[in-house]
Amino acid sequence: MRFPLRTAATSLVLCLLLAGMSFGSAYNARPKLIVVIVIDQFRGDYLERYRDQFGDGGFRLLLDHGANFSDCNYNYANTRTAPGHATLFTGAYSNGHGIIANEWWDPQKKRMVTSVQDDATTLVGIASKAPGASPHNLLADTLGDELKLATQGKSRVFAIALKDRAAILPGGFAADAAYWIDHSTGAWVTSTYYRSELPKWAQDFNDGKRADKYLNREWRDASGSTLRITAPQASEKNGTPPGFYELVGSTPFANDYEFEFARELLTYERLGNGPATDLLVISLSANDILGHQVGPDSPEMQAMALALDRQLAEFFTFLGHQVGLANTWIALSADHGVAPVPAAASKLRIPAAGVSDEKLRAQLNAELSSRLSPGHASEYVKSYDFPMAWINEEVFAGIHMKEEDAERAVGEAMKRTGLRGFYTRSQLAQGQVPNTEAGLQYLHSYSPEGGWYVLGVPAPYTVGVASGTDHASPYTYDTHVPLAFYGLPFQAGTYRTHAEPVDLAVTLASLLGINAPTHAIGRVLTESLAPAHRADNSHPSEETPPRRPNEPIKPVALVIAGGLQ
């Protein structure tokens, strides 16, 4: 892996000289390609935890030769997959982009719907009666949308993931395509929102049964110990045989499969060869599937991180040959972190607990029924995704309770089950939150989507699953994620200044000379940018990053920077 790094260093120096410090312009393909890697459920501390075990060319390409923001945290409470992916590419939180959860209760349809489910579309790539998906629930546009608008469609935008929401929301409205997999077979699919049939290269990929080679394989760690086998086990007798997603999804083979598809897409769509800058988003879902089962401190999670390091190195080498790293900008982040497995925290005498969503929902409904309709059991809470409750409007209407009162009644019941507090949809809609950091986190979590709901405030290290672990809190183990950039404009170094995922889209948009997404609230991470030529005697390296609205004044942080080595 040393060769591509030396090549990248030489190319960057040459480009600096030739470009006269003019780093980017989407309009004339500088850079030719932007690749954003989003790792589902990858905590910010992982990069330091495993840093001395990483090889050359993977994570170290960004850590040693890119700009790494070590204090990057989501400033909201609803740390789920769909909101996280929407936030990264809209530069806004849920109160801007509208995506509050992976799924929510639809009072008109009287059922739960996913963040991207679109009954007006159908799936493309498999024979299925299931509805398709689209970005129709987004209330803001994305970096890719602004890139398409600025270049009159000349830029090409693609996004891929195992999960539909992790591909669709980053791509936005104008993406050329978003691709995800059929959970049963592993075949790549899209929806009629994007196109009526798969392109020939993607259909050939599926017809070649590429997914099958990842079945019936052993995942082993560095010592040769078997961690997983991607085949049905004798103990699995639930009546439904597990599909590709269940068997392969929690292993590094799932990332291999995604990168294999990404290489085909890059090659056949000729990304990085057009008249304007192209964008490719790769959301790697395997880390999340495994992490829910074993937690962040397990040997399996360490092995997954080290396998991903090797996979990234291989993919970055491919980018170097295909497009040229000097012509490519790379960004890395995650949609959320994860809590420790409660048993692991408890061993250190840290209060922690795992609770069952369904048991809590039954407890809430029983308590609400005893207080509001004694002798008559009712389903006041339709769905509970800890710590968030979706409320049955019709039942409350039957006892003549208005939304604000109904949500407060549910919130008080949630407190009696162990939550520390709550915020109702009604109070968030009116901006009635304390003028505190926590109040701002929950204000950022508001969305008009989803009917009536209550956002609970969980105790730290309490998760909504009886086994394994989860994420959905405002605490640092869920909000702290990586944010790193590699490419011509960025000064190598570790930056201790505060950053947020909303800064990714804004920074890239500014460097490309295009508009930021419509609802973006992030800032341009100027402290990481190589200084441009100036006519005056000012010193950009001494400038303090601007403060966000409502953000407390903080001391200037130390920047540790260095050149390519």
Protein backbone atom coordinates (compact mmCIF):
# COMPACT_ATOMS: atom_id res chain seq x y z
CA MET A 1 0.00 0.00 0.00
CA ARG A 2 2.99 2.34 0.15
CA PHE A 3 3.10 2.89 -3.60
CA PRO A 4 -0.31 4.62 -3.93
CA LEU A 5 0.48 6.83 -0.92
CA ARG A 6 3.76 8.03 -2.45
CA THR A 7 1.94 8.53 -5.75
CA ALA A 8 -0.80 10.49 -4.00
CA ALA A 9 1.75 12.70 -2.24
CA THR A 10 3.58 13.49 -5.47
CA SER A 11 0.34 14.15 -7.34
CA LEU A 12 -0.94 16.47 -4.65
CA VAL A 13 2.22 18.57 -4.75
CA LEU A 14 2.03 18.77 -8.55
CA CYS A 15 -1.62 19.74 -8.48
CA LEU A 16 -0.95 22.44 -5.90
CA LEU A 17 1.62 24.00 -8.20
CA LEU A 18 -0.48 23.68 -11.33
CA ALA A 19 -3.77 24.78 -9.83
CA GLY A 20 -2.32 27.89 -8.20
CA MET A 21 -4.08 26.94 -4.97
CA SER A 22 -7.49 26.94 -6.68
CA PHE A 23 -8.69 23.76 -5.07
CA GLY A 24 -12.04 22.93 -6.54
CA SER A 25 -14.78 23.69 -8.99
CA ALA A 26 -17.64 21.32 -9.71
CA TYR A 27 -18.18 23.03 -13.04
CA ASN A 28 -14.92 21.81 -14.60
CA ALA A 29 -14.44 18.53 -12.73
CA ARG A 30 -12.01 19.60 -10.02
CA PRO A 31 -12.05 17.10 -8.45
CA LYS A 32 -13.22 14.49 -10.91
CA LEU A 33 -14.84 12.41 -8.19
CA ILE A 34 -15.94 12.71 -4.56
CA VAL A 35 -16.37 9.47 -2.61
CA VAL A 36 -18.10 9.62 0.76
CA ILE A 37 -17.80 6.52 2.94
CA VAL A 38 -20.45 6.26 5.67
CA ILE A 39 -19.90 3.42 8.13
CA ASP A 40 -23.14 2.44 9.81
CA GLN A 41 -22.66 2.40 13.61
CA PHE A 42 -18.97 3.35 13.76
CA ARG A 43 -18.08 5.23 16.92
CA GLY A 44 -15.62 8.10 16.78
CA ASP A 45 -13.33 6.50 19.36
CA TYR A 46 -12.75 3.42 17.16
CA LEU A 47 -10.22 5.29 15.02
CA GLU A 48 -7.99 5.90 18.02
CA ARG A 49 -8.75 2.58 19.69
CA TYR A 50 -7.46 0.57 16.71
CA ARG A 51 -5.09 3.13 15.18
CA ASP A 52 -1.88 1.26 15.99
CA GLN A 53 -3.36 -1.89 14.41
CA PHE A 54 -4.34 -0.29 11.10
CA GLY A 55 -2.17 -0.91 8.06
CA ASP A 56 -1.12 1.60 5.42
CA GLY A 57 -3.58 2.94 2.90
CA GLY A 58 -6.94 2.30 4.62
CA PHE A 59 -8.03 4.40 7.58
CA ARG A 60 -4.48 5.75 7.75
CA LEU A 61 -4.87 7.43 4.37
CA LEU A 62 -7.29 9.78 6.14
CA LEU A 63 -5.67 9.77 9.58
CA ASP A 64 -2.08 10.39 8.44
CA HIS A 65 -2.60 12.20 5.15
CA GLY A 66 -6.01 13.81 5.60
CA ALA A 67 -7.86 16.16 7.94
CA ASN A 68 -9.28 14.24 10.90
CA PHE A 69 -11.81 15.92 13.22
CA SER A 70 -11.60 13.96 16.45
CA ASP A 71 -14.40 15.88 18.24
CA CYS A 72 -17.30 15.36 15.84
CA ASN A 73 -20.70 14.85 17.47
CA TYR A 74 -24.29 14.85 16.27
CA ASN A 75 -26.17 17.63 18.02
CA TYR A 76 -29.47 15.79 18.29
CA ALA A 77 -30.97 12.93 20.28
CA ASN A 78 -32.54 10.65 17.66
CA THR A 79 -29.36 8.82 16.70
CA ARG A 80 -30.81 6.34 14.23
CA THR A 81 -29.70 5.24 10.75
CA ALA A 82 -32.15 7.18 8.61
CA PRO A 83 -31.78 10.53 10.41
CA GLY A 84 -28.00 10.16 10.44
CA HIS A 85 -27.70 9.58 6.71
CA ALA A 86 -30.10 12.44 5.98
CA THR A 87 -28.13 14.75 8.28
CA LEU A 88 -24.77 14.05 6.66
CA PHE A 89 -25.95 15.00 3.19
CA THR A 90 -28.49 17.77 3.89
CA GLY A 91 -26.26 19.53 6.40
CA ALA A 92 -29.35 19.79 8.63
CA TYR A 93 -30.86 17.94 11.56
CA SER A 94 -34.31 16.38 11.69
CA ASN A 95 -36.01 19.75 12.25
CA GLY A 96 -34.59 20.70 8.85
CA HIS A 97 -34.71 17.50 6.78
CA GLY A 98 -37.79 15.90 8.41
CA ILE A 99 -36.43 12.37 8.91
CA ILE A 100 -36.97 11.62 12.61
CA ALA A 101 -36.61 7.83 12.70
CA ASN A 102 -36.16 4.71 10.57
CA GLU A 103 -39.94 4.26 10.62
CA TRP A 104 -42.95 5.97 12.12
CA TRP A 105 -46.69 5.65 12.62
CA ASP A 106 -48.71 7.04 9.72
CA PRO A 107 -52.14 8.10 11.11
CA GLN A 108 -53.66 8.28 7.61
CA LYS A 109 -52.51 4.82 6.56
CA LYS A 110 -52.95 3.50 10.12
CA ARG A 111 -49.71 1.56 10.00
CA MET A 112 -45.99 1.97 10.48
CA VAL A 113 -44.15 3.20 7.40
CA THR A 114 -40.43 3.40 6.74
CA SER A 115 -38.54 6.61 6.17
CA VAL A 116 -38.22 5.88 2.44
CA GLN A 117 -41.20 3.66 1.67
CA ASP A 118 -43.10 5.01 -1.35
CA ASP A 119 -46.29 3.21 -2.35
CA ALA A 120 -46.29 5.09 -5.66
CA THR A 121 -43.19 3.17 -6.76
CA THR A 122 -42.22 -0.48 -7.19
CA LEU A 123 -38.97 -2.36 -6.82
CA VAL A 124 -36.72 -2.86 -9.83
CA GLY A 125 -34.34 -5.82 -10.06
CA ILE A 126 -36.49 -8.55 -8.49
CA ALA A 127 -40.04 -9.78 -8.90
CA SER A 128 -41.80 -8.42 -5.82
CA LYS A 129 -45.16 -7.00 -4.78
CA ALA A 130 -43.52 -4.98 -2.02
CA PRO A 131 -43.66 -1.20 -2.43
CA GLY A 132 -40.66 0.64 -3.76
CA ALA A 133 -38.82 3.46 -2.08
CA SER A 134 -37.78 7.04 -2.73
CA PRO A 135 -36.59 10.20 -0.95
CA HIS A 136 -40.13 11.64 -0.97
CA ASN A 137 -40.15 12.18 2.82
CA LEU A 138 -37.12 14.48 2.78
CA LEU A 139 -38.01 18.11 3.52
CA ALA A 140 -34.60 19.40 2.39
CA ASP A 141 -32.34 18.74 -0.55
CA THR A 142 -28.88 17.18 -0.43
CA LEU A 143 -25.31 17.84 -1.53
CA GLY A 144 -25.93 15.63 -4.57
CA ASP A 145 -29.04 17.61 -5.49
CA GLU A 146 -27.13 20.89 -5.37
CA LEU A 147 -24.34 19.33 -7.42
CA LYS A 148 -26.84 18.27 -10.10
CA LEU A 149 -28.53 21.70 -10.08
CA ALA A 150 -25.26 23.61 -10.34
CA THR A 151 -24.00 21.59 -13.31
CA GLN A 152 -27.37 21.26 -15.09
CA GLY A 153 -27.28 17.53 -14.54
CA LYS A 154 -23.76 16.97 -15.85
CA SER A 155 -22.56 15.68 -12.49
CA ARG A 156 -23.55 12.09 -11.77
CA VAL A 157 -24.66 11.04 -8.32
CA PHE A 158 -24.95 7.45 -7.06
CA ALA A 159 -25.41 5.91 -3.60
CA ILE A 160 -25.25 2.28 -2.50
CA ALA A 161 -25.87 0.38 0.76
CA LEU A 162 -27.30 -2.90 1.99
CA LYS A 163 -30.21 -0.88 3.47
CA ASP A 164 -32.61 1.12 1.30
CA ARG A 165 -32.67 4.17 3.62
CA ALA A 166 -28.87 4.29 3.75
CA ALA A 167 -28.69 4.55 -0.05
CA ILE A 168 -31.73 6.69 -0.82
CA LEU A 169 -31.43 9.51 1.71
CA PRO A 170 -27.78 10.35 0.90
CA GLY A 171 -28.52 10.38 -2.82
CA GLY A 172 -31.40 12.82 -2.50
CA PHE A 173 -34.02 13.65 -5.10
CA ALA A 174 -31.84 14.02 -8.19
CA ALA A 175 -29.52 11.03 -7.82
CA ASP A 176 -28.97 9.04 -10.99
CA ALA A 177 -29.67 5.94 -8.92
CA ALA A 178 -29.63 4.51 -5.43
CA TYR A 179 -29.00 0.78 -5.07
CA TRP A 180 -29.60 -1.54 -2.11
CA ILE A 181 -30.02 -5.29 -1.71
CA ASP A 182 -32.91 -7.69 -1.53
CA HIS A 183 -32.52 -9.13 1.96
CA SER A 184 -33.37 -12.64 0.91
CA THR A 185 -31.16 -13.15 -2.14
CA GLY A 186 -28.61 -10.34 -1.91
CA ALA A 187 -29.56 -9.15 -5.41
CA TRP A 188 -29.07 -5.43 -6.01
CA VAL A 189 -32.30 -3.48 -6.51
CA THR A 190 -33.57 0.04 -7.01
CA SER A 191 -37.05 1.47 -7.55
CA THR A 192 -39.07 2.95 -10.37
CA TYR A 193 -38.44 6.38 -8.82
CA TYR A 194 -35.01 6.19 -10.47
CA ARG A 195 -35.47 3.94 -13.50
CA SER A 196 -37.74 1.31 -15.01
CA GLU A 197 -35.07 -1.40 -15.24
CA LEU A 198 -31.57 -2.11 -13.99
CA PRO A 199 -28.71 -1.06 -16.26
CA LYS A 200 -27.17 -4.01 -18.08
CA TRP A 201 -24.04 -4.05 -15.91
CA ALA A 202 -26.11 -4.29 -12.71
CA GLN A 203 -28.39 -6.96 -14.17
CA ASP A 204 -25.33 -8.92 -15.28
CA PHE A 205 -23.95 -8.58 -11.75
CA ASN A 206 -27.11 -10.13 -10.31
CA ASP A 207 -27.34 -12.78 -13.04
CA GLY A 208 -23.78 -13.82 -12.25
CA LYS A 209 -24.93 -14.84 -8.74
CA ARG A 210 -22.13 -12.78 -7.22
CA ALA A 211 -23.80 -12.95 -3.81
CA ASP A 212 -23.59 -16.74 -3.66
CA LYS A 213 -19.84 -16.86 -3.22
CA TYR A 214 -20.19 -15.19 0.19
CA LEU A 215 -22.44 -17.96 1.50
CA ASN A 216 -21.13 -21.01 3.36
CA ARG A 217 -17.90 -19.26 4.28
CA GLU A 218 -16.03 -18.92 7.55
CA TRP A 219 -15.07 -15.51 8.91
CA ARG A 220 -11.88 -15.90 10.89
CA ASP A 221 -9.89 -13.41 12.93
CA ALA A 222 -6.15 -12.79 12.61
CA SER A 223 -5.35 -15.79 14.81
CA GLY A 224 -7.44 -18.12 12.64
CA SER A 225 -10.32 -18.50 15.09
CA THR A 226 -13.72 -18.83 13.46
CA LEU A 227 -16.03 -15.91 14.34
CA ARG A 228 -19.00 -16.55 12.04
CA ILE A 229 -20.14 -19.04 9.41
CA THR A 230 -22.37 -17.63 6.67
CA ALA A 231 -24.60 -20.69 6.53
CA PRO A 232 -27.83 -21.63 8.35
CA GLN A 233 -27.07 -23.25 11.69
CA ALA A 234 -28.83 -26.36 12.95
CA SER A 235 -30.22 -24.42 15.89
CA GLU A 236 -32.17 -22.04 13.64
CA LYS A 237 -35.71 -23.46 13.64
CA ASN A 238 -37.94 -20.43 13.34
CA GLY A 239 -39.60 -21.79 10.21
CA THR A 240 -38.13 -19.20 7.83
CA PRO A 241 -34.66 -19.88 6.44
CA PRO A 242 -32.33 -16.90 6.93
CA GLY A 243 -31.50 -14.90 3.83
CA PHE A 244 -28.35 -13.20 2.59
CA TYR A 245 -28.80 -10.16 4.86
CA GLU A 246 -29.03 -12.29 8.01
CA LEU A 247 -26.26 -14.73 7.07
CA VAL A 248 -23.69 -12.44 5.47
CA GLY A 249 -24.70 -9.00 6.75
CA SER A 250 -22.91 -9.26 10.10
CA THR A 251 -19.57 -10.27 8.55
CA PRO A 252 -16.86 -8.43 6.59
CA PHE A 253 -18.03 -10.38 3.53
CA ALA A 254 -20.94 -7.93 3.33
CA ASN A 255 -18.48 -5.05 2.91
CA ASP A 256 -16.57 -7.07 0.30
CA TYR A 257 -19.85 -7.47 -1.57
CA GLU A 258 -20.62 -3.75 -1.42
CA PHE A 259 -17.15 -2.77 -2.61
CA GLU A 260 -17.39 -5.32 -5.43
CA PHE A 261 -20.60 -3.66 -6.60
CA ALA A 262 -19.08 -0.20 -6.15
CA ARG A 263 -16.15 -1.10 -8.41
CA GLU A 264 -18.55 -2.29 -11.10
CA LEU A 265 -20.58 0.92 -10.79
CA LEU A 266 -17.49 3.12 -11.02
CA THR A 267 -16.23 1.22 -14.07
CA TYR A 268 -19.41 0.93 -16.11
CA GLU A 269 -20.89 4.33 -15.23
CA ARG A 270 -17.45 5.86 -15.89
CA LEU A 271 -17.54 7.97 -12.76
CA GLY A 272 -14.77 10.53 -12.64
CA ASN A 273 -14.63 10.80 -16.44
CA GLY A 274 -17.26 13.47 -17.07
CA PRO A 275 -17.18 17.25 -17.59
CA ALA A 276 -18.26 17.94 -13.98
CA THR A 277 -17.55 16.52 -10.53
CA ASP A 278 -19.26 13.18 -9.80
CA LEU A 279 -20.37 11.93 -6.37
CA LEU A 280 -20.47 8.37 -5.05
CA VAL A 281 -21.77 7.52 -1.57
CA ILE A 282 -20.99 4.09 -0.12
CA SER A 283 -22.79 3.29 3.13
CA LEU A 284 -21.34 0.18 4.74
CA SER A 285 -24.09 -1.53 6.73
CA ALA A 286 -22.29 -4.59 8.14
CA ASN A 287 -20.82 -2.81 11.15
CA ASP A 288 -24.31 -1.97 12.41
CA ILE A 289 -25.75 -5.45 11.89
CA LEU A 290 -22.89 -6.98 13.87
CA GLY A 291 -22.70 -4.21 16.46
CA HIS A 292 -26.29 -4.67 17.61
CA GLN A 293 -25.50 -8.30 18.38
CA VAL A 294 -22.11 -8.10 20.08
CA GLY A 295 -21.52 -4.46 21.05
CA PRO A 296 -18.55 -2.14 20.59
CA ASP A 297 -16.10 -3.86 22.94
CA SER A 298 -16.21 -7.38 21.51
CA PRO A 299 -13.44 -9.25 19.67
CA GLU A 300 -15.77 -9.49 16.68
CA MET A 301 -16.07 -5.71 16.44
CA GLN A 302 -12.30 -5.34 16.57
CA ALA A 303 -11.93 -7.94 13.81
CA MET A 304 -14.58 -6.16 11.74
CA ALA A 305 -12.75 -2.83 12.05
CA LEU A 306 -9.42 -4.35 11.03
CA ALA A 307 -11.02 -6.17 8.09
CA LEU A 308 -12.63 -2.91 6.97
CA ASP A 309 -9.25 -1.21 7.16
CA ARG A 310 -7.87 -3.72 4.64
CA GLN A 311 -10.97 -3.38 2.45
CA LEU A 312 -10.69 0.41 2.39
CA ALA A 313 -7.02 0.14 1.42
CA GLU A 314 -7.91 -2.10 -1.50
CA PHE A 315 -10.71 0.19 -2.63
CA PHE A 316 -8.58 3.32 -2.37
CA THR A 317 -5.93 1.57 -4.48
CA PHE A 318 -8.63 0.85 -7.06
CA LEU A 319 -9.65 4.53 -7.02
CA GLY A 320 -6.02 5.46 -7.57
CA HIS A 321 -5.81 3.32 -10.68
CA GLN A 322 -9.30 4.14 -11.97
CA VAL A 323 -9.52 7.89 -11.38
CA GLY A 324 -6.32 8.93 -9.61
CA LEU A 325 -6.21 9.91 -5.95
CA ALA A 326 -5.02 13.38 -6.93
CA ASN A 327 -8.32 13.73 -8.81
CA THR A 328 -10.42 12.38 -5.95
CA TRP A 329 -11.66 13.76 -2.64
CA ILE A 330 -12.62 11.24 0.03
CA ALA A 331 -14.74 11.87 3.12
CA LEU A 332 -15.43 9.44 5.95
CA SER A 333 -18.09 9.55 8.66
CA ALA A 334 -20.81 7.50 10.37
CA ASP A 335 -24.53 7.81 10.98
CA HIS A 336 -24.33 7.14 14.75
CA GLY A 337 -22.38 5.30 17.42
CA VAL A 338 -23.59 2.62 19.84
CA ALA A 339 -23.91 1.95 23.57
CA PRO A 340 -21.87 -0.70 25.35
CA VAL A 341 -23.63 -3.98 25.96
CA PRO A 342 -25.26 -3.37 29.40
CA ALA A 343 -23.47 -6.35 30.93
CA ALA A 344 -20.09 -4.91 29.88
CA ALA A 345 -20.86 -1.53 31.50
CA SER A 346 -22.25 -3.20 34.62
CA LYS A 347 -18.99 -5.13 35.14
CA LEU A 348 -17.33 -1.74 35.65
CA ARG A 349 -20.05 -0.74 38.17
CA ILE A 350 -21.62 1.66 35.67
CA PRO A 351 -25.44 1.57 35.93
CA ALA A 352 -26.77 0.04 32.71
CA ALA A 353 -29.82 -1.89 31.57
CA GLY A 354 -31.42 -3.52 28.57
CA VAL A 355 -35.21 -3.26 28.31
CA SER A 356 -37.65 -4.81 25.87
CA ASP A 357 -39.55 -2.37 23.64
CA GLU A 358 -42.60 -4.60 23.47
CA LYS A 359 -42.74 -5.17 27.22
CA LEU A 360 -42.44 -1.44 27.85
CA ARG A 361 -45.21 -0.72 25.34
CA ALA A 362 -47.48 -3.23 27.09
CA GLN A 363 -46.62 -1.65 30.44
CA LEU A 364 -47.37 1.84 29.11
CA ASN A 365 -50.72 0.79 27.66
CA ALA A 366 -51.72 -0.99 30.87
CA GLU A 367 -50.86 2.04 32.99
CA LEU A 368 -52.57 4.52 30.66
CA SER A 369 -55.67 2.33 30.50
CA SER A 370 -55.90 2.16 34.29
CA ARG A 371 -55.67 5.94 34.56
CA LEU A 372 -57.66 7.07 31.52
CA SER A 373 -60.18 4.29 30.85
CA PRO A 374 -60.46 2.10 33.99
CA GLY A 375 -61.86 -1.33 33.24
CA HIS A 376 -61.27 -0.93 29.51
CA ALA A 377 -57.85 -1.80 28.05
CA SER A 378 -56.86 0.39 25.11
CA GLU A 379 -53.87 0.67 22.82
CA TYR A 380 -52.82 4.24 23.62
CA VAL A 381 -49.25 3.69 22.40
CA LYS A 382 -49.23 2.18 18.92
CA SER A 383 -45.50 1.55 18.66
CA TYR A 384 -42.54 1.99 21.00
CA ASP A 385 -39.02 2.27 19.64
CA PHE A 386 -37.16 3.03 22.84
CA PRO A 387 -37.01 5.80 23.86
CA MET A 388 -39.65 7.06 21.39
CA ALA A 389 -43.39 6.39 21.55
CA TRP A 390 -45.83 6.69 18.66
CA ILE A 391 -49.31 7.56 19.90
CA ASN A 392 -52.70 6.24 18.76
CA GLU A 393 -54.57 9.45 17.96
CA GLU A 394 -57.91 7.71 17.50
CA VAL A 395 -57.95 6.21 21.00
CA PHE A 396 -57.21 9.57 22.61
CA ALA A 397 -59.84 11.23 20.43
CA GLY A 398 -62.31 8.70 21.84
CA ILE A 399 -61.74 10.05 25.34
CA HIS A 400 -61.69 13.65 24.06
CA MET A 401 -58.02 14.38 24.75
CA LYS A 402 -56.20 16.85 22.53
CA GLU A 403 -52.73 16.18 21.18
CA GLU A 404 -50.80 18.21 23.74
CA ASP A 405 -52.58 16.60 26.68
CA ALA A 406 -52.33 13.11 25.19
CA GLU A 407 -48.61 13.43 24.57
CA ARG A 408 -48.04 14.74 28.08
CA ALA A 409 -49.99 11.83 29.57
CA VAL A 410 -47.86 9.35 27.62
CA GLY A 411 -44.67 11.18 28.58
CA GLU A 412 -45.53 11.03 32.29
CA ALA A 413 -46.24 7.32 31.94
CA MET A 414 -42.86 6.88 30.22
CA LYS A 415 -41.17 8.59 33.17
CA ARG A 416 -42.84 6.15 35.52
CA THR A 417 -41.26 3.29 33.54
CA GLY A 418 -37.78 4.68 34.19
CA LEU A 419 -37.07 7.46 31.68
CA ARG A 420 -35.50 10.64 33.03
CA GLY A 421 -37.75 13.01 31.12
CA PHE A 422 -39.57 13.57 27.85
CA TYR A 423 -40.29 16.05 25.07
CA THR A 424 -43.61 16.03 23.24
CA ARG A 425 -44.13 16.71 19.58
CA SER A 426 -46.33 19.66 20.53
CA GLN A 427 -43.73 21.42 22.67
CA LEU A 428 -40.97 20.79 20.13
CA ALA A 429 -43.15 22.23 17.35
CA GLN A 430 -43.51 25.40 19.41
CA GLY A 431 -39.83 25.50 20.36
CA GLN A 432 -40.63 25.13 24.05
CA VAL A 433 -37.36 23.62 25.26
CA PRO A 434 -34.88 24.71 27.94
CA ASN A 435 -32.10 26.99 26.76
CA THR A 436 -29.53 24.27 27.34
CA GLU A 437 -27.38 21.97 25.22
CA ALA A 438 -29.82 19.13 25.92
CA GLY A 439 -32.79 21.29 24.97
CA LEU A 440 -31.15 22.12 21.63
CA GLN A 441 -30.45 18.43 20.97
CA TYR A 442 -34.15 17.61 21.30
CA LEU A 443 -35.22 20.68 19.32
CA HIS A 444 -32.99 19.43 16.50
CA SER A 445 -34.76 16.04 16.79
CA TYR A 446 -38.20 17.44 15.93
CA SER A 447 -40.03 16.60 12.71
CA PRO A 448 -43.61 17.28 11.59
CA GLU A 449 -43.70 13.73 10.18
CA GLY A 450 -45.24 10.82 12.02
CA GLY A 451 -48.38 12.04 13.73
CA TRP A 452 -48.30 12.33 17.53
CA TYR A 453 -45.20 11.19 19.36
CA VAL A 454 -43.08 11.59 22.49
CA LEU A 455 -39.28 11.58 22.63
CA GLY A 456 -38.13 10.12 25.93
CA VAL A 457 -34.88 10.97 27.70
CA PRO A 458 -33.25 7.66 28.66
CA ALA A 459 -30.84 7.10 31.49
CA PRO A 460 -27.26 6.71 30.21
CA TYR A 461 -26.32 3.18 29.17
CA THR A 462 -29.95 2.05 29.01
CA VAL A 463 -30.92 0.50 25.67
CA GLY A 464 -34.22 -0.70 24.24
CA VAL A 465 -33.26 -4.32 23.64
CA ALA A 466 -33.20 -7.24 26.04
CA SER A 467 -30.05 -8.71 24.48
CA GLY A 468 -27.22 -7.12 22.56
CA THR A 469 -27.19 -3.33 22.43
CA ASP A 470 -28.65 -0.33 20.59
CA HIS A 471 -28.35 3.38 19.83
CA ALA A 472 -30.94 6.16 20.08
CA SER A 473 -29.69 8.49 22.79
CA PRO A 474 -28.19 11.98 23.09
CA TYR A 475 -25.07 10.67 24.82
CA THR A 476 -21.57 10.71 23.38
CA TYR A 477 -21.35 6.96 22.81
CA ASP A 478 -24.16 7.46 20.27
CA THR A 479 -23.34 10.97 18.97
CA HIS A 480 -19.53 10.78 18.61
CA VAL A 481 -18.57 9.74 15.07
CA PRO A 482 -15.56 10.10 12.77
CA LEU A 483 -15.27 12.99 10.35
CA ALA A 484 -12.25 12.96 8.08
CA PHE A 485 -11.35 14.31 4.64
CA TYR A 486 -8.63 13.46 2.14
CA GLY A 487 -7.79 15.42 -0.99
CA LEU A 488 -6.09 18.44 -2.46
CA PRO A 489 -7.77 21.17 -0.34
CA PHE A 490 -7.16 19.58 3.06
CA GLN A 491 -4.19 20.08 5.35
CA ALA A 492 -3.16 16.83 6.98
CA GLY A 493 -3.61 16.79 10.72
CA THR A 494 -5.80 15.98 13.68
CA TYR A 495 -8.13 18.86 14.46
CA ARG A 496 -9.47 19.22 18.00
CA THR A 497 -11.92 21.98 17.13
CA HIS A 498 -15.56 21.01 17.55
CA ALA A 499 -17.21 19.70 14.41
CA GLU A 500 -20.59 18.21 13.58
CA PRO A 501 -21.77 15.90 10.77
CA VAL A 502 -23.76 18.84 9.35
CA ASP A 503 -20.40 20.36 8.40
CA LEU A 504 -19.60 17.68 5.80
CA ALA A 505 -22.02 18.80 3.09
CA VAL A 506 -21.40 22.50 3.73
CA THR A 507 -17.62 22.15 3.54
CA LEU A 508 -17.70 20.15 0.32
CA ALA A 509 -20.27 22.49 -1.26
CA SER A 510 -18.12 25.53 -0.48
CA LEU A 511 -15.00 23.94 -1.93
CA LEU A 512 -16.92 22.98 -5.09
CA GLY A 513 -18.27 26.48 -5.56
CA ILE A 514 -21.91 25.38 -5.37
CA ASN A 515 -24.78 26.23 -3.04
CA ALA A 516 -25.03 24.42 0.25
CA PRO A 517 -28.17 22.27 0.64
CA THR A 518 -31.34 24.25 1.29
CA HIS A 519 -31.63 23.73 5.06
CA ALA A 520 -27.95 23.34 5.92
CA ILE A 521 -26.79 24.78 9.25
CA GLY A 522 -23.22 23.47 9.23
CA ARG A 523 -20.07 25.53 8.89
CA VAL A 524 -17.14 25.35 6.48
CA LEU A 525 -14.28 23.62 8.30
CA THR A 526 -11.81 26.34 7.32
CA GLU A 527 -9.22 25.35 9.91
CA SER A 528 -8.49 22.18 7.91
CA LEU A 529 -8.09 23.85 4.53
CA ALA A 530 -4.75 24.59 2.93
CA PRO A 531 -4.22 28.37 2.85
CA ALA A 532 -5.10 30.12 -0.39
CA HIS A 533 -3.01 32.95 -1.83
CA ARG A 534 -4.08 36.29 -0.35
CA ALA A 535 -3.44 39.85 -1.36
CA ASP A 536 -3.41 41.07 2.26
CA ASN A 537 -1.31 40.10 5.24
CA SER A 538 -3.96 38.17 7.15
CA HIS A 539 -3.19 34.72 8.48
CA PRO A 540 -6.02 32.26 7.87
CA SER A 541 -4.43 29.66 10.15
CA GLU A 542 -5.03 32.02 13.07
CA GLU A 543 -8.72 32.47 12.43
CA THR A 544 -11.15 31.00 14.93
CA PRO A 545 -13.94 28.83 13.43
CA PRO A 546 -17.27 30.67 13.61
CA ARG A 547 -19.60 29.78 16.45
CA ARG A 548 -22.91 28.08 15.69
CA PRO A 549 -26.15 29.69 16.87
CA ASN A 550 -26.79 28.84 20.55
CA GLU A 551 -23.37 27.22 20.88
CA PRO A 552 -21.50 28.13 24.07
CA ILE A 553 -18.23 29.98 23.62
CA LYS A 554 -15.38 27.51 23.85
CA PRO A 555 -11.61 28.05 24.08
CA VAL A 556 -9.69 27.81 20.85
CA ALA A 557 -8.61 24.20 20.37
CA LEU A 558 -5.16 22.98 19.46
CA VAL A 559 -4.59 21.89 15.88
CA ILE A 560 -1.96 19.24 15.30
CA ALA A 561 -1.14 19.36 11.63
CA GLY A 562 1.51 17.91 9.40
CA GLY A 563 2.25 17.31 5.78
CA LEU A 564 2.32 14.11 3.78
CA GLN A 565 4.97 11.73 5.01
